[in-house]
Amino acid sequence: MADRLQLTRKMYDAYASGDRSVVEQLLSDDFEFFSPPDPGIDRARYFEVCWPNSERQKSFDYKRLIENGNEVVVTYEAERTDGTRFRNTEVLTFAGDKLRRAEVYFGWDL
């Protein structure tokens, strides 16, 4: 069985470092992303719309990292490259060692 907590950390580390190849390997071919402005976008659209944000991310500090079955709930405080910070909660659903679905709840600037 995949270590989903380790895979989750690996994904956020890659996002902060800008290593798209790691994220490409972690996402399933049928990956779906949900957030208020982007409800139910596919993998290709995710890389078009969401991935460019990686250029503005500096680090992630995990406040909550809970595995429940095939899901991981993560709350983090992130620092942007300009020094501003924000807090998000995400529900990640895995299929084996691939991230199949991400639900993002955001809007909290620190």
N, C-alpha and C. Protein backbone atom coordinates (compact mmCIF):
# COMPACT_ATOMS: atom_id res chain seq x y z
N MET A 1 0.84 -1.18 0.00
CA MET A 1 0.00 0.00 0.00
C MET A 1 0.89 1.25 0.00
N ALA A 2 0.48 2.24 -0.73
CA ALA A 2 1.24 3.48 -0.85
C ALA A 2 1.20 4.25 0.46
N ASP A 3 2.27 4.95 0.77
CA ASP A 3 2.32 5.84 1.92
C ASP A 3 1.76 7.19 1.46
N ARG A 4 0.48 7.37 1.66
CA ARG A 4 -0.20 8.55 1.13
C ARG A 4 0.26 9.85 1.80
N LEU A 5 0.64 9.78 3.05
CA LEU A 5 1.15 10.99 3.72
C LEU A 5 2.48 11.41 3.09
N GLN A 6 3.32 10.44 2.78
CA GLN A 6 4.59 10.73 2.13
C GLN A 6 4.35 11.28 0.72
N LEU A 7 3.41 10.69 -0.02
CA LEU A 7 3.09 11.18 -1.36
C LEU A 7 2.55 12.60 -1.31
N THR A 8 1.74 12.90 -0.29
CA THR A 8 1.20 14.24 -0.14
C THR A 8 2.33 15.25 0.09
N ARG A 9 3.22 14.93 1.00
CA ARG A 9 4.37 15.83 1.25
C ARG A 9 5.21 16.01 -0.01
N LYS A 10 5.41 14.92 -0.72
CA LYS A 10 6.20 14.96 -1.95
C LYS A 10 5.57 15.91 -2.98
N MET A 11 4.24 15.88 -3.08
CA MET A 11 3.55 16.74 -4.03
C MET A 11 3.72 18.22 -3.67
N TYR A 12 3.50 18.56 -2.40
CA TYR A 12 3.64 19.96 -2.00
C TYR A 12 5.08 20.44 -2.09
N ASP A 13 6.03 19.57 -1.74
CA ASP A 13 7.44 19.94 -1.90
C ASP A 13 7.76 20.24 -3.36
N ALA A 14 7.24 19.43 -4.27
CA ALA A 14 7.47 19.65 -5.70
C ALA A 14 6.80 20.94 -6.17
N TYR A 15 5.63 21.22 -5.63
CA TYR A 15 4.93 22.46 -5.97
C TYR A 15 5.77 23.67 -5.54
N ALA A 16 6.33 23.62 -4.32
CA ALA A 16 7.14 24.73 -3.82
C ALA A 16 8.45 24.88 -4.59
N SER A 17 9.01 23.76 -5.03
CA SER A 17 10.29 23.82 -5.76
C SER A 17 10.11 24.02 -7.26
N GLY A 18 8.86 23.92 -7.73
CA GLY A 18 8.59 24.08 -9.16
C GLY A 18 8.92 22.86 -9.99
N ASP A 19 8.99 21.69 -9.36
CA ASP A 19 9.35 20.46 -10.08
C ASP A 19 8.09 19.79 -10.63
N ARG A 20 7.66 20.26 -11.78
CA ARG A 20 6.43 19.76 -12.40
C ARG A 20 6.48 18.26 -12.69
N SER A 21 7.65 17.74 -13.02
CA SER A 21 7.76 16.32 -13.37
C SER A 21 7.31 15.43 -12.21
N VAL A 22 7.58 15.82 -10.99
CA VAL A 22 7.15 15.04 -9.84
C VAL A 22 5.63 15.03 -9.76
N VAL A 23 5.01 16.19 -9.94
CA VAL A 23 3.56 16.29 -9.87
C VAL A 23 2.93 15.51 -11.03
N GLU A 24 3.51 15.59 -12.21
CA GLU A 24 2.99 14.83 -13.35
C GLU A 24 2.98 13.34 -13.06
N GLN A 25 4.00 12.83 -12.36
CA GLN A 25 4.06 11.41 -12.01
C GLN A 25 3.04 11.05 -10.94
N LEU A 26 2.73 11.99 -10.05
CA LEU A 26 1.81 11.69 -8.95
C LEU A 26 0.34 11.73 -9.35
N LEU A 27 -0.02 12.56 -10.33
CA LEU A 27 -1.42 12.68 -10.72
C LEU A 27 -1.84 11.55 -11.63
N SER A 28 -3.01 10.98 -11.38
CA SER A 28 -3.55 9.94 -12.26
C SER A 28 -3.96 10.57 -13.60
N ASP A 29 -4.09 9.74 -14.61
CA ASP A 29 -4.50 10.23 -15.93
C ASP A 29 -5.90 10.83 -15.89
N ASP A 30 -6.75 10.33 -14.98
CA ASP A 30 -8.12 10.83 -14.88
C ASP A 30 -8.30 11.77 -13.68
N PHE A 31 -7.23 12.44 -13.28
CA PHE A 31 -7.24 13.38 -12.16
C PHE A 31 -8.30 14.46 -12.35
N GLU A 32 -8.99 14.80 -11.24
CA GLU A 32 -9.97 15.88 -11.22
C GLU A 32 -9.63 16.84 -10.10
N PHE A 33 -9.80 18.13 -10.36
CA PHE A 33 -9.50 19.18 -9.40
C PHE A 33 -10.75 20.02 -9.17
N PHE A 34 -11.05 20.27 -7.89
CA PHE A 34 -12.22 21.05 -7.53
C PHE A 34 -11.83 22.18 -6.59
N SER A 35 -12.25 23.39 -6.94
CA SER A 35 -12.14 24.55 -6.07
C SER A 35 -13.29 25.47 -6.48
N PRO A 36 -13.61 26.47 -5.68
CA PRO A 36 -14.73 27.35 -6.05
C PRO A 36 -14.64 27.93 -7.47
N PRO A 37 -13.47 28.43 -7.91
CA PRO A 37 -13.45 28.97 -9.28
C PRO A 37 -13.25 27.92 -10.37
N ASP A 38 -12.83 26.72 -9.98
CA ASP A 38 -12.52 25.66 -10.96
C ASP A 38 -13.16 24.34 -10.53
N PRO A 39 -14.48 24.24 -10.61
CA PRO A 39 -15.15 23.01 -10.15
C PRO A 39 -15.08 21.89 -11.19
N GLY A 40 -14.24 20.89 -10.92
CA GLY A 40 -14.22 19.71 -11.76
C GLY A 40 -13.39 19.82 -13.02
N ILE A 41 -12.21 20.45 -12.93
CA ILE A 41 -11.36 20.53 -14.12
C ILE A 41 -10.49 19.27 -14.21
N ASP A 42 -10.08 18.94 -15.42
CA ASP A 42 -9.28 17.73 -15.63
C ASP A 42 -7.79 18.02 -15.48
N ARG A 43 -7.01 16.99 -15.65
CA ARG A 43 -5.55 17.08 -15.47
C ARG A 43 -4.91 18.14 -16.37
N ALA A 44 -5.26 18.13 -17.63
CA ALA A 44 -4.67 19.09 -18.57
C ALA A 44 -5.00 20.53 -18.16
N ARG A 45 -6.25 20.77 -17.82
CA ARG A 45 -6.67 22.11 -17.41
C ARG A 45 -6.02 22.50 -16.08
N TYR A 46 -5.83 21.55 -15.19
CA TYR A 46 -5.14 21.81 -13.93
C TYR A 46 -3.75 22.39 -14.20
N PHE A 47 -3.02 21.76 -15.10
CA PHE A 47 -1.67 22.25 -15.39
C PHE A 47 -1.70 23.62 -16.08
N GLU A 48 -2.75 23.90 -16.83
CA GLU A 48 -2.88 25.22 -17.47
C GLU A 48 -3.22 26.31 -16.45
N VAL A 49 -4.17 26.01 -15.57
CA VAL A 49 -4.73 27.03 -14.67
C VAL A 49 -4.01 27.10 -13.33
N CYS A 50 -3.74 25.96 -12.73
CA CYS A 50 -3.24 25.92 -11.36
C CYS A 50 -1.72 25.87 -11.25
N TRP A 51 -1.09 25.10 -12.11
CA TRP A 51 0.36 24.90 -11.99
C TRP A 51 1.14 26.21 -12.03
N PRO A 52 0.79 27.20 -12.84
CA PRO A 52 1.56 28.45 -12.83
C PRO A 52 1.70 29.10 -11.46
N ASN A 53 0.79 28.79 -10.52
CA ASN A 53 0.90 29.33 -9.16
C ASN A 53 2.15 28.83 -8.44
N SER A 54 2.73 27.74 -8.91
CA SER A 54 3.92 27.20 -8.25
C SER A 54 5.07 28.21 -8.29
N GLU A 55 5.07 29.07 -9.28
CA GLU A 55 6.13 30.08 -9.39
C GLU A 55 6.09 31.09 -8.24
N ARG A 56 4.93 31.21 -7.59
CA ARG A 56 4.77 32.18 -6.51
C ARG A 56 4.80 31.54 -5.12
N GLN A 57 5.00 30.23 -5.05
CA GLN A 57 5.00 29.54 -3.75
C GLN A 57 6.43 29.30 -3.28
N LYS A 58 6.63 29.58 -2.00
CA LYS A 58 7.95 29.38 -1.41
C LYS A 58 8.00 28.15 -0.53
N SER A 59 6.97 27.98 0.34
CA SER A 59 7.01 26.86 1.27
C SER A 59 5.62 26.54 1.80
N PHE A 60 5.50 25.34 2.37
CA PHE A 60 4.26 24.87 2.99
C PHE A 60 4.59 24.38 4.39
N ASP A 61 3.81 24.84 5.37
CA ASP A 61 3.94 24.40 6.76
C ASP A 61 2.66 23.66 7.10
N TYR A 62 2.76 22.35 7.31
CA TYR A 62 1.58 21.51 7.55
C TYR A 62 1.04 21.73 8.95
N LYS A 63 -0.23 22.04 9.06
CA LYS A 63 -0.91 22.20 10.33
C LYS A 63 -1.76 20.99 10.66
N ARG A 64 -2.20 20.29 9.63
CA ARG A 64 -3.03 19.09 9.79
C ARG A 64 -2.72 18.18 8.61
N LEU A 65 -2.46 16.92 8.89
CA LEU A 65 -2.19 15.94 7.85
C LEU A 65 -2.78 14.62 8.35
N ILE A 66 -3.98 14.29 7.85
CA ILE A 66 -4.73 13.15 8.37
C ILE A 66 -5.07 12.20 7.23
N GLU A 67 -4.70 10.95 7.40
CA GLU A 67 -5.05 9.92 6.42
C GLU A 67 -6.27 9.16 6.92
N ASN A 68 -7.25 9.00 6.04
CA ASN A 68 -8.45 8.24 6.36
C ASN A 68 -8.81 7.43 5.12
N GLY A 69 -8.51 6.14 5.14
CA GLY A 69 -8.76 5.31 3.97
C GLY A 69 -7.92 5.79 2.80
N ASN A 70 -8.57 6.07 1.68
CA ASN A 70 -7.83 6.51 0.50
C ASN A 70 -7.75 8.04 0.40
N GLU A 71 -8.12 8.73 1.48
CA GLU A 71 -8.07 10.20 1.48
C GLU A 71 -7.03 10.72 2.47
N VAL A 72 -6.50 11.90 2.12
CA VAL A 72 -5.65 12.65 3.04
C VAL A 72 -6.25 14.05 3.13
N VAL A 73 -6.46 14.48 4.37
CA VAL A 73 -6.91 15.85 4.62
C VAL A 73 -5.68 16.62 5.09
N VAL A 74 -5.39 17.71 4.40
CA VAL A 74 -4.21 18.50 4.73
C VAL A 74 -4.62 19.97 4.89
N THR A 75 -4.20 20.54 5.99
CA THR A 75 -4.31 21.98 6.19
C THR A 75 -2.89 22.50 6.27
N TYR A 76 -2.62 23.55 5.53
CA TYR A 76 -1.27 24.10 5.51
C TYR A 76 -1.32 25.62 5.52
N GLU A 77 -0.22 26.19 6.00
CA GLU A 77 0.03 27.61 5.85
C GLU A 77 1.18 27.72 4.87
N ALA A 78 0.94 28.46 3.80
CA ALA A 78 1.93 28.59 2.74
C ALA A 78 2.49 30.00 2.72
N GLU A 79 3.75 30.09 2.35
CA GLU A 79 4.37 31.38 2.16
C GLU A 79 4.65 31.59 0.68
N ARG A 80 4.24 32.75 0.20
CA ARG A 80 4.52 33.11 -1.20
C ARG A 80 5.91 33.72 -1.30
N THR A 81 6.42 33.81 -2.51
CA THR A 81 7.74 34.37 -2.73
C THR A 81 7.81 35.85 -2.35
N ASP A 82 6.66 36.53 -2.29
CA ASP A 82 6.65 37.94 -1.88
C ASP A 82 6.53 38.11 -0.36
N GLY A 83 6.53 36.99 0.38
CA GLY A 83 6.47 37.03 1.83
C GLY A 83 5.07 36.96 2.42
N THR A 84 4.02 37.11 1.62
CA THR A 84 2.67 36.99 2.15
C THR A 84 2.37 35.52 2.41
N ARG A 85 1.38 35.28 3.28
CA ARG A 85 1.06 33.92 3.68
C ARG A 85 -0.45 33.70 3.58
N PHE A 86 -0.82 32.42 3.43
CA PHE A 86 -2.22 32.04 3.39
C PHE A 86 -2.38 30.63 3.95
N ARG A 87 -3.63 30.29 4.24
CA ARG A 87 -3.94 28.98 4.81
C ARG A 87 -5.04 28.33 3.98
N ASN A 88 -4.85 27.06 3.62
CA ASN A 88 -5.81 26.28 2.84
C ASN A 88 -6.02 24.93 3.51
N THR A 89 -7.15 24.33 3.21
CA THR A 89 -7.40 22.93 3.54
C THR A 89 -7.76 22.21 2.25
N GLU A 90 -7.21 21.02 2.07
CA GLU A 90 -7.46 20.24 0.88
C GLU A 90 -7.81 18.80 1.27
N VAL A 91 -8.69 18.20 0.49
CA VAL A 91 -9.01 16.79 0.64
C VAL A 91 -8.50 16.11 -0.62
N LEU A 92 -7.53 15.22 -0.44
CA LEU A 92 -6.90 14.53 -1.56
C LEU A 92 -7.35 13.08 -1.56
N THR A 93 -7.80 12.60 -2.72
CA THR A 93 -8.24 11.22 -2.84
C THR A 93 -7.26 10.47 -3.73
N PHE A 94 -6.77 9.35 -3.23
CA PHE A 94 -5.78 8.56 -3.96
C PHE A 94 -6.40 7.28 -4.51
N ALA A 95 -5.84 6.82 -5.60
CA ALA A 95 -6.10 5.49 -6.16
C ALA A 95 -4.73 4.83 -6.22
N GLY A 96 -4.45 3.99 -5.25
CA GLY A 96 -3.11 3.41 -5.15
C GLY A 96 -2.11 4.50 -4.82
N ASP A 97 -1.07 4.62 -5.64
CA ASP A 97 -0.05 5.64 -5.40
C ASP A 97 -0.22 6.88 -6.29
N LYS A 98 -1.41 7.05 -6.85
CA LYS A 98 -1.71 8.19 -7.72
C LYS A 98 -2.78 9.08 -7.08
N LEU A 99 -2.60 10.37 -7.22
CA LEU A 99 -3.61 11.31 -6.75
C LEU A 99 -4.70 11.39 -7.79
N ARG A 100 -5.91 11.03 -7.41
CA ARG A 100 -7.04 10.94 -8.32
C ARG A 100 -7.93 12.18 -8.30
N ARG A 101 -8.02 12.84 -7.12
CA ARG A 101 -8.94 13.96 -6.98
C ARG A 101 -8.41 14.90 -5.89
N ALA A 102 -8.56 16.19 -6.12
CA ALA A 102 -8.21 17.20 -5.11
C ALA A 102 -9.36 18.18 -4.97
N GLU A 103 -9.77 18.39 -3.72
CA GLU A 103 -10.78 19.39 -3.39
C GLU A 103 -10.07 20.45 -2.54
N VAL A 104 -10.10 21.70 -2.99
CA VAL A 104 -9.37 22.76 -2.31
C VAL A 104 -10.36 23.77 -1.72
N TYR A 105 -10.16 24.06 -0.44
CA TYR A 105 -10.96 25.05 0.27
C TYR A 105 -10.01 26.15 0.73
N PHE A 106 -10.23 27.37 0.23
CA PHE A 106 -9.26 28.44 0.48
C PHE A 106 -9.95 29.78 0.72
N GLY A 107 -9.11 30.78 0.99
CA GLY A 107 -9.62 32.13 1.17
C GLY A 107 -9.14 32.79 2.45
N TRP A 108 -8.20 32.16 3.13
CA TRP A 108 -7.73 32.67 4.41
C TRP A 108 -6.32 33.23 4.24
N ASP A 109 -6.21 34.54 4.09
CA ASP A 109 -4.89 35.20 4.08
C ASP A 109 -4.44 35.41 5.51
N LEU A 110 -3.17 35.24 5.75
CA LEU A 110 -2.62 35.41 7.11
C LEU A 110 -1.85 36.71 7.22
